[in-house]
Protein backbone atom coordinates (compact mmCIF):
# COMPACT_ATOMS: atom_id res chain seq x y z
CA UNK A 1 0.03 0.08 0.09
CA UNK A 2 3.05 2.28 0.31
CA UNK A 3 2.81 3.34 -3.47
CA UNK A 4 -0.94 4.00 -3.39
CA UNK A 5 -0.82 7.61 -2.70
CA UNK A 6 1.54 8.30 -5.63
CA UNK A 7 -0.34 6.08 -7.94
CA UNK A 8 -3.46 8.02 -7.18
CA UNK A 9 -1.72 11.20 -7.65
CA UNK A 10 -0.59 10.26 -11.21
CA UNK A 11 -4.32 10.20 -11.96
CA UNK A 12 -4.39 13.91 -11.15
CA UNK A 13 -1.20 14.71 -12.98
CA UNK A 14 -2.99 14.89 -16.32
CA UNK A 15 -5.10 17.60 -14.95
CA UNK A 16 -2.17 19.49 -13.67
CA UNK A 17 0.06 19.11 -16.84
CA UNK A 18 0.79 21.69 -19.51
CA UNK A 19 -0.49 20.72 -22.78
CA UNK A 20 2.41 22.09 -24.46
CA UNK A 21 5.39 20.64 -22.52
CA UNK A 22 3.29 17.65 -21.10
CA UNK A 23 4.84 18.13 -17.65
CA UNK A 24 3.50 19.51 -14.30
CA UNK A 25 2.89 23.18 -14.52
CA UNK A 26 5.71 25.53 -13.68
CA UNK A 27 4.55 28.92 -12.77
CA UNK A 28 1.05 28.25 -14.29
CA UNK A 29 -0.69 31.21 -16.09
CA UNK A 30 -4.29 31.45 -17.13
CA UNK A 31 -5.37 32.91 -20.49
CA UNK A 32 -8.65 34.71 -21.00
CA UNK A 33 -10.20 31.49 -22.34
CA UNK A 34 -9.36 30.00 -18.75
CA UNK A 35 -6.79 27.41 -20.13
CA UNK A 36 -3.73 27.20 -18.22
CA UNK A 37 -0.15 26.77 -19.29
CA UNK A 38 3.47 27.13 -17.97
CA UNK A 39 4.92 30.53 -18.07
CA UNK A 40 7.88 29.57 -19.94
CA UNK A 41 5.95 27.51 -22.38
CA UNK A 42 3.67 30.48 -23.11
CA UNK A 43 6.62 32.74 -23.75
CA UNK A 44 8.16 30.24 -26.34
CA UNK A 45 4.68 29.83 -27.81
CA UNK A 46 3.87 33.58 -28.10
CA UNK A 47 7.25 34.63 -29.83
CA UNK A 48 7.32 38.24 -30.70
CA UNK A 49 3.81 38.61 -31.89
CA UNK A 50 1.35 40.77 -29.87
CA UNK A 51 -1.53 38.34 -30.46
CA UNK A 52 -1.53 34.61 -30.35
CA UNK A 53 -4.00 31.69 -30.22
CA UNK A 54 -4.68 29.43 -27.38
CA UNK A 55 -3.09 26.09 -28.05
CA UNK A 56 -6.20 24.32 -26.93
CA UNK A 57 -9.30 26.13 -28.02
CA UNK A 58 -7.74 28.49 -30.76
CA UNK A 59 -9.16 31.56 -29.25
CA UNK A 60 -7.30 34.61 -30.34
CA UNK A 61 -6.50 37.49 -28.13
CA UNK A 62 -4.08 40.33 -27.64
CA UNK A 63 -1.30 39.82 -25.13
CA UNK A 64 -1.11 42.50 -22.31
CA UNK A 65 1.61 45.12 -22.85
CA UNK A 66 3.65 43.69 -20.01
CA UNK A 67 3.82 40.29 -21.60
CA UNK A 68 3.06 36.74 -20.38
CA UNK A 69 4.34 37.66 -16.84
CA UNK A 70 1.21 40.02 -16.48
CA UNK A 71 -1.26 37.26 -17.02
CA UNK A 72 -2.98 35.88 -13.96
CA UNK A 73 -1.38 33.12 -11.95
CA UNK A 74 -3.37 29.88 -11.43
CA UNK A 75 -2.52 29.62 -7.76
CA UNK A 76 -4.79 26.44 -7.36
CA UNK A 77 -2.95 24.59 -9.99
CA UNK A 78 0.47 25.90 -8.56
CA UNK A 79 -0.55 24.58 -5.08
CA UNK A 80 -1.75 21.34 -6.29
CA UNK A 81 1.45 20.72 -8.42
CA UNK A 82 3.53 21.54 -5.25
CA UNK A 83 1.50 18.97 -3.16
CA UNK A 84 2.00 16.27 -5.81
CA UNK A 85 5.77 16.94 -5.88
CA UNK A 86 6.01 16.94 -2.10
CA UNK A 87 4.04 13.81 -1.84
CA UNK A 88 6.35 11.97 -4.17
CA UNK A 89 9.35 13.23 -2.48
CA UNK A 90 8.14 12.11 0.94
CA UNK A 91 6.94 8.75 -0.28
CA UNK A 92 10.42 8.16 -1.68
CA UNK A 93 12.06 9.14 1.49
CA UNK A 94 9.82 6.92 3.52
CA UNK A 95 10.59 3.87 1.39
CA UNK A 96 14.54 4.77 1.54
CA UNK A 97 15.08 5.79 4.97
CA UNK A 98 14.56 3.46 8.15
CA UNK A 99 12.42 4.68 11.08
CA UNK A 100 14.30 7.10 13.21
CA UNK A 101 12.20 6.30 16.35
CA UNK A 102 8.80 7.00 17.58
CA UNK A 103 9.32 10.59 18.91
CA UNK A 104 6.62 12.42 20.68
CA UNK A 105 5.00 15.38 18.65
CA UNK A 106 4.78 17.61 21.71
CA UNK A 107 7.97 16.36 23.41
CA UNK A 108 10.61 15.66 20.78
CA UNK A 109 13.12 14.37 23.23
CA UNK A 110 10.72 11.66 24.47
CA UNK A 111 9.54 8.45 22.69
CA UNK A 112 5.89 7.61 22.79
CA UNK A 113 5.15 4.76 25.24
CA UNK A 114 1.41 4.34 25.37
CA UNK A 115 -1.80 4.98 23.41
CA UNK A 116 -4.41 7.15 24.77
CA UNK A 117 -7.84 5.62 24.16
CA UNK A 118 -9.88 8.67 24.92
CA UNK A 119 -7.82 11.20 22.56
CA UNK A 120 -6.74 8.37 20.08
CA UNK A 121 -3.23 9.53 19.95
CA UNK A 122 0.18 7.97 21.02
CA UNK A 123 1.52 9.62 24.29
CA UNK A 124 4.93 9.87 26.00
CA UNK A 125 5.37 9.85 29.69
CA UNK A 126 5.33 13.73 29.83
CA UNK A 127 2.08 13.92 27.85
CA UNK A 128 0.68 11.26 30.26
CA UNK A 129 1.45 13.57 33.27
CA UNK A 130 0.35 16.78 31.61
CA UNK A 131 -2.69 16.08 29.59
CA UNK A 132 -3.76 12.28 29.82
CA UNK A 133 -3.31 11.39 33.56
CA UNK A 134 -6.94 10.41 33.83
CA UNK A 135 -7.40 8.84 30.48
CA UNK A 136 -7.48 5.24 29.70
CA UNK A 137 -4.23 3.93 27.91
CA UNK A 138 -3.07 0.76 26.43
CA UNK A 139 0.32 -0.37 25.03
CA UNK A 140 1.39 0.75 21.54
CA UNK A 141 1.54 -2.88 20.37
CA UNK A 142 -2.10 -3.60 21.48
CA UNK A 143 -3.25 -0.15 19.97
CA UNK A 144 -1.53 -0.97 16.57
CA UNK A 145 -3.55 -4.40 16.52
CA UNK A 146 -6.92 -2.73 17.46
CA UNK A 147 -6.62 0.48 15.39
CA UNK A 148 -5.12 -0.88 12.28
CA UNK A 149 -8.41 -1.96 10.75
CA UNK A 150 -10.44 1.24 11.38
CA UNK A 151 -7.51 3.41 10.08
CA UNK A 152 -7.29 1.29 7.08
CA UNK A 153 -11.06 1.60 6.48
CA UNK A 154 -10.71 5.41 6.64
CA UNK A 155 -7.85 5.16 4.22
CA UNK A 156 -9.88 3.04 1.84
CA UNK A 157 -12.82 5.49 2.13
CA UNK A 158 -10.54 8.37 1.35
CA UNK A 159 -9.31 6.69 -1.75
CA UNK A 160 -12.90 5.96 -2.82
CA UNK A 161 -13.70 9.69 -2.60
CA UNK A 162 -10.61 10.59 -4.58
CA UNK A 163 -11.55 8.03 -7.16
CA UNK A 164 -14.93 9.69 -7.30
CA UNK A 165 -13.14 13.10 -7.87
CA UNK A 166 -11.15 11.42 -10.57
CA UNK A 167 -14.30 10.49 -12.25
CA UNK A 168 -15.63 14.12 -11.97
CA UNK A 169 -12.48 15.48 -13.38
CA UNK A 170 -12.63 12.99 -16.29
CA UNK A 171 -16.24 14.09 -16.99
CA UNK A 172 -15.28 17.78 -17.01
CA UNK A 173 -12.32 17.08 -19.25
CA UNK A 174 -14.61 15.36 -21.66
CA UNK A 175 -17.18 18.24 -21.32
CA UNK A 176 -14.47 20.74 -22.05
CA UNK A 177 -13.51 18.82 -25.09
CA UNK A 178 -17.08 18.67 -26.34
CA UNK A 179 -17.40 22.36 -25.90
CA UNK A 180 -14.09 23.16 -27.71
CA UNK A 181 -15.57 20.76 -30.61
CA UNK A 182 -18.75 22.61 -30.60
CA UNK A 183 -17.08 25.96 -30.69
CA UNK A 184 -14.89 25.03 -33.69
CA UNK A 185 -17.95 23.58 -35.42
CA UNK A 186 -19.80 26.80 -34.86
CA UNK A 187 -16.77 28.96 -35.95
CA UNK A 188 -16.65 26.91 -39.07
CA UNK A 189 -20.30 27.31 -39.85
CA UNK A 190 -20.09 30.93 -39.37
CA UNK A 191 -17.06 31.18 -41.82
CA UNK A 192 -18.77 28.90 -44.27
CA UNK A 193 -21.93 31.12 -44.20
CA UNK A 194 -19.78 34.14 -44.56
CA UNK A 195 -17.89 32.68 -47.54
CA UNK A 196 -21.04 31.65 -49.20
CA UNK A 197 -22.75 35.01 -48.89
CA UNK A 198 -19.63 36.66 -49.93
CA UNK A 199 -19.41 34.37 -52.95
CA UNK A 200 -22.95 35.21 -53.91
CA UNK A 201 -22.30 38.97 -53.56
CA UNK A 202 -19.12 38.56 -55.59
CA UNK A 203 -20.95 36.61 -58.26
CA UNK A 204 -23.95 39.05 -58.50
CA UNK A 205 -21.36 41.97 -58.62
CA UNK A 206 -19.57 40.29 -61.60
CA UNK A 207 -22.69 39.68 -63.53
CA UNK A 208 -23.81 43.27 -63.15
CA UNK A 209 -20.35 44.51 -64.00
CA UNK A 210 -20.43 42.55 -67.22
CA UNK A 211 -23.74 43.92 -68.15
CA UNK A 212 -22.54 47.46 -67.52
CA UNK A 213 -19.21 46.77 -69.38
CA UNK A 214 -21.14 45.46 -72.50
CA UNK A 215 -23.48 48.41 -72.55
CA UNK A 216 -20.46 50.76 -72.13
CA UNK A 217 -18.63 49.03 -75.13
CA UNK A 218 -21.64 49.53 -77.30
CA UNK A 219 -22.13 53.16 -76.38
CA UNK A 220 -18.34 53.73 -77.05
CA UNK A 221 -18.57 52.22 -80.46
CA UNK A 222 -21.53 54.45 -81.41
CA UNK A 223 -19.72 57.49 -80.02
CA UNK A 224 -16.66 56.44 -82.01
CA UNK A 225 -18.62 56.04 -85.30
CA UNK A 226 -20.63 59.40 -85.00
CA UNK A 227 -17.52 61.32 -83.91
CA UNK A 228 -15.69 59.97 -87.03
CA UNK A 229 -18.45 61.19 -89.17
CA UNK A 230 -18.49 64.55 -87.52
CA UNK A 231 -14.76 64.85 -88.01
CA UNK A 232 -14.80 63.90 -91.51
CA UNK A 233 -17.56 66.48 -92.46
CA UNK A 234 -15.90 69.17 -90.43
CA UNK A 235 -12.52 68.52 -92.12
CA UNK A 236 -14.05 68.73 -95.59
CA UNK A 237 -15.88 71.89 -94.64
CA UNK A 238 -12.70 73.57 -93.42
CA UNK A 239 -10.96 72.63 -96.71
CA UNK A 240 -13.32 74.46 -98.78
CA UNK A 241 -14.69 73.49 -102.10
CA UNK A 242 -17.68 71.35 -102.81
CA UNK A 243 -16.64 67.90 -101.37
CA UNK A 244 -18.35 68.53 -98.07
CA UNK A 245 -21.63 68.64 -99.84
CA UNK A 246 -21.66 64.86 -100.10
CA UNK A 247 -21.35 64.58 -96.21
CA UNK A 248 -24.72 66.23 -95.52
CA UNK A 249 -26.72 63.38 -96.45
CA UNK A 250 -24.31 60.95 -94.58
CA UNK A 251 -24.21 62.82 -91.45
CA UNK A 252 -28.08 63.56 -91.43
CA UNK A 253 -28.57 59.62 -91.51
CA UNK A 254 -26.08 58.94 -88.78
CA UNK A 255 -27.52 61.67 -86.39
CA UNK A 256 -31.01 60.30 -87.04
CA UNK A 257 -29.73 56.79 -86.34
CA UNK A 258 -27.91 57.49 -83.08
CA UNK A 259 -30.42 59.82 -81.80
CA UNK A 260 -32.94 57.19 -82.21
CA UNK A 261 -30.88 54.50 -80.65
CA UNK A 262 -30.18 56.92 -77.68
CA UNK A 263 -33.96 57.46 -77.13
CA UNK A 264 -34.82 53.85 -77.35
CA UNK A 265 -32.00 52.73 -75.08
CA UNK A 266 -33.30 51.42 -71.81
CA UNK A 267 -31.09 52.30 -68.82
CA UNK A 268 -29.03 49.45 -67.52
CA UNK A 269 -30.74 48.21 -64.31
CA UNK A 270 -28.20 45.74 -62.65
CA UNK A 271 -29.58 43.56 -59.95
CA UNK A 272 -29.00 44.85 -56.61
CA UNK A 273 -26.14 43.33 -54.60
CA UNK A 274 -27.92 42.67 -51.40
CA UNK A 275 -27.90 39.96 -48.79
CA UNK A 276 -30.19 36.82 -49.84
CA UNK A 277 -33.69 36.34 -48.44
CA UNK A 278 -32.34 33.48 -46.11
CA UNK A 279 -29.64 35.52 -44.63
CA UNK A 280 -31.89 36.48 -41.51
CA UNK A 281 -32.65 32.80 -41.10
CA UNK A 282 -29.04 31.72 -41.32
CA UNK A 283 -27.98 34.45 -38.90
CA UNK A 284 -30.74 33.21 -36.57
CA UNK A 285 -29.39 29.56 -36.66
CA UNK A 286 -25.90 30.72 -36.08
CA UNK A 287 -27.06 32.86 -33.17
CA UNK A 288 -28.96 29.82 -31.66
CA UNK A 289 -25.80 27.75 -32.02
CA UNK A 290 -23.67 30.41 -30.09
CA UNK A 291 -26.43 30.60 -27.53
CA UNK A 292 -26.41 26.78 -27.01
CA UNK A 293 -22.55 26.77 -26.63
CA UNK A 294 -22.03 29.90 -24.63
CA UNK A 295 -25.34 30.61 -23.09
CA UNK A 296 -27.80 33.46 -23.27
CA UNK A 297 -26.66 37.12 -23.78
CA UNK A 298 -26.33 38.99 -20.57
CA UNK A 299 -29.81 40.15 -19.25
CA UNK A 300 -28.33 43.71 -18.41
CA UNK A 301 -25.37 45.46 -19.73
CA UNK A 302 -23.90 48.15 -17.42
CA UNK A 303 -21.25 50.65 -18.26
CA UNK A 304 -19.85 53.98 -17.12
CA UNK A 305 -18.85 54.99 -13.67
CA UNK A 306 -18.05 58.45 -12.25
CA UNK A 307 -15.45 60.49 -14.27
CA UNK A 308 -14.76 62.63 -17.14
CA UNK A 309 -13.05 60.29 -19.48
CA UNK A 310 -14.71 58.85 -22.49
CA UNK A 311 -17.45 56.39 -21.43
CA UNK A 312 -17.53 57.79 -17.89
CA UNK A 313 -20.35 60.01 -16.44
CA UNK A 314 -21.08 62.91 -13.97
CA UNK A 315 -24.79 62.71 -13.35
CA UNK A 316 -26.23 61.35 -16.53
CA UNK A 317 -29.70 62.37 -16.98
CA UNK A 318 -31.76 62.14 -20.23
CA UNK A 319 -31.33 59.37 -22.87
CA UNK A 320 -32.28 58.68 -26.34
CA UNK A 321 -31.75 56.00 -29.01
CA UNK A 322 -31.56 56.63 -32.69
CA UNK A 323 -33.14 54.36 -35.45
CA UNK A 324 -29.67 53.09 -36.17
CA UNK A 325 -29.12 51.95 -32.56
CA UNK A 326 -26.92 54.68 -31.13
CA UNK A 327 -27.45 55.73 -27.61
CA UNK A 328 -27.26 59.43 -26.85
CA UNK A 329 -26.67 60.16 -23.13
CA UNK A 330 -27.01 63.62 -21.71
CA UNK A 331 -23.76 63.77 -19.42
CA UNK A 332 -24.91 66.78 -17.45
CA UNK A 333 -21.94 67.09 -15.15
CA UNK A 334 -19.51 66.96 -17.94
CA UNK A 335 -21.56 69.26 -20.16
CA UNK A 336 -21.50 66.90 -23.23
CA UNK A 337 -23.49 64.34 -25.19
CA UNK A 338 -21.88 60.83 -25.23
CA UNK A 339 -22.78 58.29 -27.88
CA UNK A 340 -22.54 54.50 -27.57
CA UNK A 341 -23.56 51.21 -29.31
CA UNK A 342 -26.40 49.08 -27.85
CA UNK A 343 -23.59 46.87 -26.60
CA UNK A 344 -22.22 49.66 -24.36
CA UNK A 345 -19.20 50.58 -26.45
CA UNK A 346 -18.21 54.16 -26.57
CA UNK A 347 -18.56 55.70 -30.18
CA UNK A 348 -18.04 59.49 -29.68
CA UNK A 349 -18.78 62.58 -27.61
CA UNK A 350 -19.52 66.21 -28.31
CA UNK A 351 -19.61 69.23 -26.02
CA UNK A 352 -23.18 70.88 -25.63
CA UNK A 353 -22.11 74.30 -27.08
CA UNK A 354 -24.80 76.70 -27.80
CA UNK A 355 -23.20 78.27 -30.82
CA UNK A 356 -21.64 76.89 -34.05
CA UNK A 357 -17.99 77.58 -32.83
CA UNK A 358 -17.17 77.55 -29.31
CA UNK A 359 -19.20 79.71 -26.88
CA UNK A 360 -20.79 78.80 -23.58
CA UNK A 361 -21.14 75.20 -22.78
CA UNK A 362 -24.71 74.16 -21.72
CA UNK A 363 -25.42 71.80 -18.91
CA UNK A 364 -27.74 69.32 -20.77
CA UNK A 365 -30.79 68.13 -19.04
CA UNK A 366 -32.48 65.95 -21.63
CA UNK A 367 -31.99 64.70 -25.28
CA UNK A 368 -34.27 63.46 -27.92
CA UNK A 369 -33.85 62.25 -31.66
CA UNK A 370 -35.91 63.95 -34.26
CA UNK A 371 -37.19 62.25 -37.55
CA UNK A 372 -33.86 63.07 -39.38
CA UNK A 373 -31.81 61.40 -36.64
CA UNK A 374 -30.56 64.61 -35.19
CA UNK A 375 -30.49 65.26 -31.41
CA UNK A 376 -32.25 67.94 -29.78
CA UNK A 377 -30.81 68.89 -26.38
CA UNK A 378 -32.54 71.13 -23.74
CA UNK A 379 -30.38 72.71 -20.87
CA UNK A 380 -28.91 75.78 -19.42
CA UNK A 381 -25.77 77.87 -19.25
CA UNK A 382 -25.12 80.49 -16.60
CA UNK A 383 -27.28 83.08 -18.46
CA UNK A 384 -29.59 81.39 -20.84
CA UNK A 385 -32.07 78.35 -21.06
CA UNK A 386 -32.00 76.93 -24.54
CA UNK A 387 -32.99 74.15 -26.97
CA UNK A 388 -30.38 73.20 -29.43
CA UNK A 389 -30.36 71.00 -32.51
CA UNK A 390 -27.28 69.34 -33.26
CA UNK A 391 -26.35 66.99 -36.24
CA UNK A 392 -25.13 63.50 -35.41
CA UNK A 393 -21.53 64.61 -35.01
CA UNK A 394 -22.38 67.34 -32.55
CA UNK A 395 -22.32 70.45 -34.92
CA UNK A 396 -24.99 73.04 -34.03
CA UNK A 397 -27.69 73.34 -36.55
CA UNK A 398 -30.14 75.68 -34.72
CA UNK A 399 -31.17 76.95 -31.29
CA UNK A 400 -33.75 79.04 -29.64
CA UNK A 401 -34.29 80.32 -26.08
CA UNK A 402 -37.16 79.32 -23.87
CA UNK A 403 -39.24 82.10 -22.53
CA UNK A 404 -38.79 81.90 -18.93
CA UNK A 405 -35.48 81.85 -16.99
CA UNK A 406 -35.77 79.04 -14.40
CA UNK A 407 -33.21 76.72 -12.39
CA UNK A 408 -35.46 73.83 -12.66
CA UNK A 409 -34.63 70.74 -14.83
CA UNK A 410 -36.48 70.49 -18.32
CA UNK A 411 -37.38 67.75 -20.54
CA UNK A 412 -37.78 67.72 -24.26
CA UNK A 413 -39.77 65.81 -26.81
CA UNK A 414 -40.34 65.96 -30.58
CA UNK A 415 -43.79 65.46 -32.12
CA UNK A 416 -42.62 64.18 -35.59
CA UNK A 417 -46.27 64.31 -36.94
CA UNK A 418 -46.82 68.05 -36.34
CA UNK A 419 -43.11 69.10 -36.57
CA UNK A 420 -43.25 70.48 -33.04
CA UNK A 421 -40.69 70.68 -30.03
CA UNK A 422 -42.20 70.18 -26.59
CA UNK A 423 -40.38 71.42 -23.50
CA UNK A 424 -41.35 71.21 -19.83
CA UNK A 425 -41.04 74.15 -17.64
CA UNK A 426 -41.34 75.05 -13.92
CA UNK A 427 -41.85 78.62 -12.79
CA UNK A 428 -39.18 80.00 -10.41
CA UNK A 429 -39.50 79.61 -6.66
CA UNK A 430 -40.17 76.98 -4.20
CA UNK A 431 -43.68 78.23 -3.03
CA UNK A 432 -46.71 78.09 -5.42
CA UNK A 433 -44.55 76.55 -8.14
CA UNK A 434 -46.57 76.01 -11.48
CA UNK A 435 -45.54 73.69 -14.31
CA UNK A 436 -46.44 73.36 -17.90
CA UNK A 437 -45.53 72.39 -21.25
CA UNK A 438 -44.21 74.71 -23.89
CA UNK A 439 -45.02 73.88 -27.62
CA UNK A 440 -42.71 75.29 -30.12
CA UNK A 441 -42.59 75.12 -33.95
CA UNK A 442 -39.26 74.09 -35.16
CA UNK A 443 -38.24 77.49 -35.88
CA UNK A 444 -38.39 78.35 -32.20
CA UNK A 445 -41.65 80.27 -32.22
CA UNK A 446 -44.12 79.47 -29.34
CA UNK A 447 -47.28 77.89 -30.60
CA UNK A 448 -49.13 77.11 -27.33
CA UNK A 449 -48.94 75.92 -23.62
CA UNK A 450 -50.21 72.84 -22.21
CA UNK A 451 -51.17 71.61 -18.65
CA UNK A 452 -51.62 74.81 -16.61
CA UNK A 453 -55.08 73.65 -15.30
CA UNK A 454 -54.09 70.25 -13.92
CA UNK A 455 -51.96 71.55 -11.08
CA UNK A 456 -48.59 70.25 -12.28
CA UNK A 457 -45.79 71.70 -9.92
CA UNK A 458 -42.42 70.47 -11.31
CA UNK A 459 -42.84 68.66 -14.67
CA UNK A 460 -39.43 66.94 -15.65
CA UNK A 461 -39.49 64.49 -18.62
CA UNK A 462 -41.85 64.40 -21.40
CA UNK A 463 -42.56 62.03 -24.49
CA UNK A 464 -44.99 61.96 -27.31
CA UNK A 465 -46.01 58.34 -27.89
CA UNK A 466 -46.86 56.44 -30.96
CA UNK A 467 -50.34 57.57 -30.97
CA UNK A 468 -49.45 61.22 -30.51
CA UNK A 469 -50.40 61.51 -26.79
CA UNK A 470 -48.20 63.51 -24.64
CA UNK A 471 -47.03 62.11 -21.32
CA UNK A 472 -45.39 64.21 -18.57
CA UNK A 473 -43.74 63.18 -15.34
CA UNK A 474 -44.19 65.50 -12.29
CA UNK A 475 -41.30 65.16 -9.85
CA UNK A 476 -42.99 66.83 -6.95
CA UNK A 477 -46.60 65.73 -7.45
CA UNK A 478 -45.51 62.14 -8.01
CA UNK A 479 -47.86 61.76 -10.90
CA UNK A 480 -47.71 61.17 -14.68
CA UNK A 481 -49.98 63.28 -16.65
CA UNK A 482 -51.47 62.16 -20.05
CA UNK A 483 -52.93 64.55 -22.66
CA UNK A 484 -54.57 63.86 -26.24
CA UNK A 485 -53.22 64.54 -29.37
CA UNK A 486 -55.01 67.93 -29.51
CA UNK A 487 -53.25 68.74 -26.05
CA UNK A 488 -56.50 68.07 -24.01
CA UNK A 489 -56.13 66.46 -20.63
CA UNK A 490 -56.92 62.74 -20.44
CA UNK A 491 -55.94 61.45 -17.11
CA UNK A 492 -53.12 61.04 -14.57
CA UNK A 493 -51.71 58.02 -12.66
CA UNK A 494 -49.34 57.38 -9.91
CA UNK A 495 -49.33 59.26 -6.64
CA UNK A 496 -46.84 59.22 -3.81
CA UNK A 497 -45.75 56.02 -2.41
CA UNK A 498 -43.85 52.82 -2.59
CA UNK A 499 -46.71 50.45 -3.37
CA UNK A 500 -47.70 48.92 -6.66
CA UNK A 501 -48.76 51.73 -9.02
CA UNK A 502 -47.36 54.44 -6.79
CA UNK A 503 -44.37 56.73 -7.61
CA UNK A 504 -41.81 58.69 -5.71
CA UNK A 505 -40.39 61.72 -7.74
CA UNK A 506 -40.87 60.09 -11.21
CA UNK A 507 -38.53 60.99 -13.88
CA UNK A 508 -37.94 59.53 -17.34
CA UNK A 509 -40.88 58.14 -19.33
CA UNK A 510 -41.05 56.08 -22.50
CA UNK A 511 -43.41 53.51 -24.22
CA UNK A 512 -42.60 50.09 -25.58
CA UNK A 513 -43.80 48.77 -28.93
CA UNK A 514 -47.14 47.56 -27.22
CA UNK A 515 -47.70 51.05 -25.98
CA UNK A 516 -47.09 50.21 -22.30
CA UNK A 517 -45.73 53.10 -20.42
CA UNK A 518 -42.34 52.72 -18.54
CA UNK A 519 -41.52 55.33 -15.78
CA UNK A 520 -38.24 55.78 -13.85
CA UNK A 521 -39.16 55.70 -10.19
CA UNK A 522 -35.94 57.08 -8.49
CA UNK A 523 -37.45 57.74 -5.03
CA UNK A 524 -38.05 53.90 -4.87
CA UNK A 525 -35.05 52.95 -6.75
CA UNK A 526 -36.96 51.07 -9.51
CA UNK A 527 -38.43 51.22 -12.96
CA UNK A 528 -42.21 50.65 -13.32
CA UNK A 529 -44.44 49.56 -16.07
CA UNK A 530 -48.13 50.66 -16.66
CA UNK A 531 -50.50 49.80 -19.53
CA UNK A 532 -51.68 52.60 -21.95
CA UNK A 533 -54.42 53.38 -19.41
CA UNK A 534 -52.23 53.97 -16.51
CA UNK A 535 -53.04 50.53 -14.92
CA UNK A 536 -49.93 49.07 -13.00
CA UNK A 537 -48.41 46.04 -14.72
CA UNK A 538 -45.15 45.10 -13.00
CA UNK A 539 -41.69 46.24 -11.50
CA UNK A 540 -39.20 46.02 -14.29
CA UNK A 541 -35.98 46.55 -12.25
CA UNK A 542 -35.79 46.87 -8.44
CA UNK A 543 -32.37 45.55 -7.55
CA UNK A 544 -29.66 46.88 -9.93
CA UNK A 545 -30.65 50.62 -9.84
CA UNK A 546 -29.90 53.19 -7.36
CA UNK A 547 -31.50 56.33 -8.81
CA UNK A 548 -32.86 55.70 -12.36
CA UNK A 549 -33.45 58.89 -14.19
CA UNK A 550 -33.69 58.81 -17.90
CA UNK A 551 -35.39 55.72 -19.95
CA UNK A 552 -35.69 55.02 -23.44
CA UNK A 553 -36.48 52.06 -25.78
CA UNK A 554 -34.09 50.64 -28.48
CA UNK A 555 -35.01 49.32 -31.92
CA UNK A 556 -35.25 45.78 -30.56
CA UNK A 557 -37.15 46.70 -27.52
CA UNK A 558 -34.07 47.05 -25.18
CA UNK A 559 -34.72 49.18 -22.30
CA UNK A 560 -31.97 51.80 -21.68
CA UNK A 561 -31.85 53.49 -18.30
CA UNK A 562 -29.42 56.16 -16.94
CA UNK A 563 -28.55 56.05 -13.10
CA UNK A 564 -27.61 59.50 -11.71
CA UNK A 565 -26.39 58.17 -8.47
CA UNK A 566 -24.07 55.41 -9.74
CA UNK A 567 -23.25 57.54 -12.85
CA UNK A 568 -23.88 54.55 -15.00
CA UNK A 569 -26.24 53.39 -17.95
CA UNK A 570 -28.11 50.01 -17.96
CA UNK A 571 -29.23 48.27 -21.10
CA UNK A 572 -31.89 45.76 -20.05
CA UNK A 573 -32.27 43.15 -22.84
CA UNK A 574 -35.42 41.57 -21.48
CA UNK A 575 -37.83 42.47 -18.76
């Protein structure tokens, strides 16, 4: 039985061996794909390139600037390798070296003489006097006979447990191999589908190009013939005499001929080079394969954090998503608009200036995208309150001032049907505040006001839904007000509280494709959903948000939420 520990250890050796050198790990390093290799092996494998593929799964990634040494250590593997090596060394020493005597653990100068039945340990005379004086003892020889079988049973049980662990490791190894094979198969399918679609596009392009080329050659031949006739007639005309008279009839025939051909010629209409009809199906199948291998996409994507760098925020407020899937965030504290993809990747940013070149920066409160894809931003400088239209890159297109100077936050919406800009407004002062909605034409002229009669105090965010109705959140009244297309009051819902259907300082509003109303409820650290009549449906998010402020819906139904307390943006994929 002396060799049993090491023979069992060899079963674990495969799990702790580098697949490059086939030896136990030395300074094991973990790659982003979670495969582990020796540091020296990786350095030899990487060579001088900045990117390389994992030798196991072929995942390609870029090496950190500091090199292989900066990759994380696999401390668990390192510890296990050290234990196996120590076990082998100790096993060899045990076989080679004779017993040096049965020395007491607590009194090394003494030999153990007896066995304490109560504590189940061998003891020396000093131990007997100090700790085991009233315990029953027997001789070591008798204890060896009595305890050998129970100890052997424990060893056997331990070996059985280790064997079970070996089985689990084997299953995990096979599962990992299956995952690698599935990934490779999926990668190959994607590449094959891509190559097939690319081939189809190239084939259609060549067909179209051949049609255009043939038509161009025909036109050039006609041009050459008509040009030669004109040149001939012109040359004879310049030479004088009567020879040019014979060219009149010839030239007349050619002009009639080619004018007729030109009028009858149908414009070349090449077949459009576009993805085939089955592309969406193919993409769906590939996405399903990726889903089955790697699991579902994350339910929520969160990005940001407090700061002034690209992708960081200081009190993000309003948010909008363009039809092309770009997220525009009003980064109030940094006086700018930041633009991201629906995966949370930073794209660009631009300062919220109020004039075409330079000028004062505006603190943006809210942002909305018009029918042309241009953002409208409402906010304030130290001296003005403005609505500014930018192009997609942040260049000022137009601006106009709102009519009342007020320190309260404003929201902005665009009524694309009637080409109107709607802005919320709260009158100055903390007592007897009044709120309303200003309705402007796109040139900045005030058309009308809405909402004075309903007792709004501090309207914040505003939207125009798919049916043309106006929805306004009132921060201090804790209600959402709903108006018809003709600006007539319909109803309000909410009310202060934390129960279902109640709100506390509501902020951003949006509607989903079904017309359900989604409201940011920062006082309760949640986002709520109501139907189009204001009836409560459900809590959308209650555990990941601190102070939700702006909300909007993406092209595929994604819910985008800004959190002004955590300085983050959340993209909720399903809810």
